[in-house]
């Protein structure tokens, strides 16, 4: 289980730009990301396998296009219960707070990509311990 993509954006509701590494800040989220702040959805996750499936279904998408912060390989996020703690890299720790989300309006991502899988397949977390993470870092479940 590992991080295959990290992405951040300055605005909500837009595709995120990929970066090789980024700083997670305790009780905030990613440094420089619009979704950071004192709430329960500081960081978003999506399985790389879900992005691959969307591509196979005909969508012209890549990492960051669904506004996910972290794409991972080898994790079926829907089987990870709310409350699970997840270690990212050497020192960062997050706690899963929400599985999926309600979209009240179709966002820019829906119109650009033709669909948005985050409401169905996105996972959200709050940052318990910050630290630098990089693409290729391991992901470990701590129950």
Protein backbone atom coordinates (compact mmCIF):
# COMPACT_ATOMS: atom_id res chain seq x y z
CA UNK A 1 0.00 0.00 0.00
CA UNK A 2 1.53 3.25 -1.09
CA UNK A 3 0.96 6.85 -2.16
CA UNK A 4 1.03 7.14 -5.95
CA UNK A 5 -0.05 10.78 -6.27
CA UNK A 6 -0.26 13.92 -4.12
CA UNK A 7 -2.23 16.91 -5.39
CA UNK A 8 -3.18 20.33 -4.03
CA UNK A 9 -5.17 23.36 -5.24
CA UNK A 10 -5.65 26.94 -4.18
CA UNK A 11 -9.44 26.83 -4.90
CA UNK A 12 -12.20 24.41 -3.96
CA UNK A 13 -14.16 22.60 -6.67
CA UNK A 14 -11.29 22.51 -9.17
CA UNK A 15 -8.82 19.92 -10.33
CA UNK A 16 -5.71 19.71 -8.20
CA UNK A 17 -2.12 20.04 -9.43
CA UNK A 18 0.20 17.11 -8.77
CA UNK A 19 3.27 17.57 -6.60
CA UNK A 20 6.00 15.10 -5.65
CA UNK A 21 5.90 16.00 -1.96
CA UNK A 22 3.84 18.15 0.40
CA UNK A 23 3.50 19.07 4.06
CA UNK A 24 0.57 17.92 6.15
CA UNK A 25 -0.17 20.27 9.03
CA UNK A 26 -1.79 18.98 12.23
CA UNK A 27 -5.46 20.00 12.58
CA UNK A 28 -5.34 21.71 9.17
CA UNK A 29 -4.54 19.57 6.11
CA UNK A 30 -2.04 20.23 3.33
CA UNK A 31 -0.03 23.43 3.38
CA UNK A 32 -1.36 25.53 0.50
CA UNK A 33 -4.49 23.48 -0.19
CA UNK A 34 -7.93 25.11 -0.27
CA UNK A 35 -9.56 22.27 1.67
CA UNK A 36 -7.34 22.79 4.71
CA UNK A 37 -8.86 24.20 7.86
CA UNK A 38 -10.55 23.32 11.14
CA UNK A 39 -13.07 20.75 9.90
CA UNK A 40 -13.44 17.00 9.36
CA UNK A 41 -12.49 16.85 5.65
CA UNK A 42 -8.95 18.22 5.72
CA UNK A 43 -7.50 15.55 3.40
CA UNK A 44 -9.16 13.50 0.68
CA UNK A 45 -8.18 10.06 -0.59
CA UNK A 46 -9.07 8.12 -3.70
CA UNK A 47 -7.86 4.73 -4.87
CA UNK A 48 -5.69 4.84 -7.99
CA UNK A 49 -7.68 1.81 -9.09
CA UNK A 50 -10.86 3.96 -9.09
CA UNK A 51 -9.18 6.55 -11.30
CA UNK A 52 -7.99 3.76 -13.64
CA UNK A 53 -11.54 2.40 -13.84
CA UNK A 54 -12.92 5.85 -14.69
CA UNK A 55 -10.32 6.05 -17.47
CA UNK A 56 -11.34 2.58 -18.74
CA UNK A 57 -14.96 3.77 -18.73
CA UNK A 58 -13.97 6.46 -21.22
CA UNK A 59 -13.23 9.50 -19.06
CA UNK A 60 -10.14 11.53 -19.94
CA UNK A 61 -8.81 11.83 -16.37
CA UNK A 62 -5.62 11.49 -14.39
CA UNK A 63 -4.46 11.99 -10.80
CA UNK A 64 -5.76 15.21 -9.25
CA UNK A 65 -8.65 15.54 -11.70
CA UNK A 66 -11.24 14.52 -9.09
CA UNK A 67 -9.76 17.00 -6.58
CA UNK A 68 -8.36 14.20 -4.43
CA UNK A 69 -5.33 15.07 -2.34
CA UNK A 70 -3.87 11.58 -2.19
CA UNK A 71 -4.25 8.66 -4.59
CA UNK A 72 -3.13 5.31 -3.28
CA UNK A 73 -2.55 1.85 -4.67
CA UNK A 74 -3.48 -1.39 -2.97
CA UNK A 75 -6.21 -0.05 -0.65
CA UNK A 76 -9.96 -0.69 -0.90
CA UNK A 77 -10.96 2.48 0.94
CA UNK A 78 -14.61 1.46 1.29
CA UNK A 79 -13.55 -1.37 3.61
CA UNK A 80 -11.69 1.04 5.92
CA UNK A 81 -14.05 2.11 8.72
CA UNK A 82 -14.51 5.65 9.94
CA UNK A 83 -12.21 6.18 12.92
CA UNK A 84 -9.32 4.19 11.44
CA UNK A 85 -5.96 5.88 11.84
CA UNK A 86 -3.67 5.84 8.82
CA UNK A 87 0.08 6.48 8.90
CA UNK A 88 1.45 8.22 5.81
CA UNK A 89 5.18 8.09 5.21
CA UNK A 90 7.46 8.39 8.22
CA UNK A 91 5.50 10.65 10.55
CA UNK A 92 2.12 11.88 9.29
CA UNK A 93 -1.02 10.41 10.86
CA UNK A 94 -4.64 10.95 9.80
CA UNK A 95 -7.98 9.64 11.03
CA UNK A 96 -10.73 8.65 8.59
CA UNK A 97 -13.78 10.84 9.26
CA UNK A 98 -16.09 10.28 6.28
CA UNK A 99 -16.70 7.86 3.42
CA UNK A 100 -18.15 9.55 0.35
CA UNK A 101 -19.89 12.91 0.37
CA UNK A 102 -23.03 14.60 -0.80
CA UNK A 103 -22.68 16.90 -3.80
CA UNK A 104 -25.34 19.58 -3.79
CA UNK A 105 -24.31 20.97 -7.17
CA UNK A 106 -22.32 19.50 -10.00
CA UNK A 107 -18.83 20.91 -9.61
CA UNK A 108 -16.38 22.03 -12.28
CA UNK A 109 -14.80 18.58 -12.14
CA UNK A 110 -18.06 16.94 -13.19
CA UNK A 111 -18.34 19.23 -16.22
CA UNK A 112 -14.67 18.91 -17.19
CA UNK A 113 -14.37 15.14 -16.72
CA UNK A 114 -17.94 14.04 -17.43
CA UNK A 115 -18.38 12.53 -13.96
CA UNK A 116 -17.07 12.94 -10.42
CA UNK A 117 -16.40 9.79 -8.45
CA UNK A 118 -15.48 11.55 -5.19
CA UNK A 119 -19.07 11.55 -3.84
CA UNK A 120 -19.19 7.75 -4.25
CA UNK A 121 -15.58 6.69 -3.71
CA UNK A 122 -13.76 9.51 -1.94
CA UNK A 123 -12.56 9.12 1.63
CA UNK A 124 -11.92 12.04 3.97
CA UNK A 125 -9.70 12.47 7.01
CA UNK A 126 -8.42 14.94 9.58
CA UNK A 127 -4.73 15.33 10.34
CA UNK A 128 -3.67 14.11 13.80
CA UNK A 129 0.09 14.52 13.24
CA UNK A 130 1.74 16.48 10.47
CA UNK A 131 4.81 15.79 8.42
CA UNK A 132 6.23 15.72 4.91
CA UNK A 133 4.89 13.01 2.61
CA UNK A 134 6.13 11.99 -0.82
CA UNK A 135 4.91 9.96 -3.77
CA UNK A 136 6.02 6.39 -3.16
CA UNK A 137 5.67 6.62 0.64
CA UNK A 138 3.99 3.73 2.40
CA UNK A 139 0.48 3.80 3.82
CA UNK A 140 -0.19 1.79 6.98
CA UNK A 141 -3.52 1.17 8.70
CA UNK A 142 -3.48 1.56 12.49
CA UNK A 143 -6.71 0.27 13.99
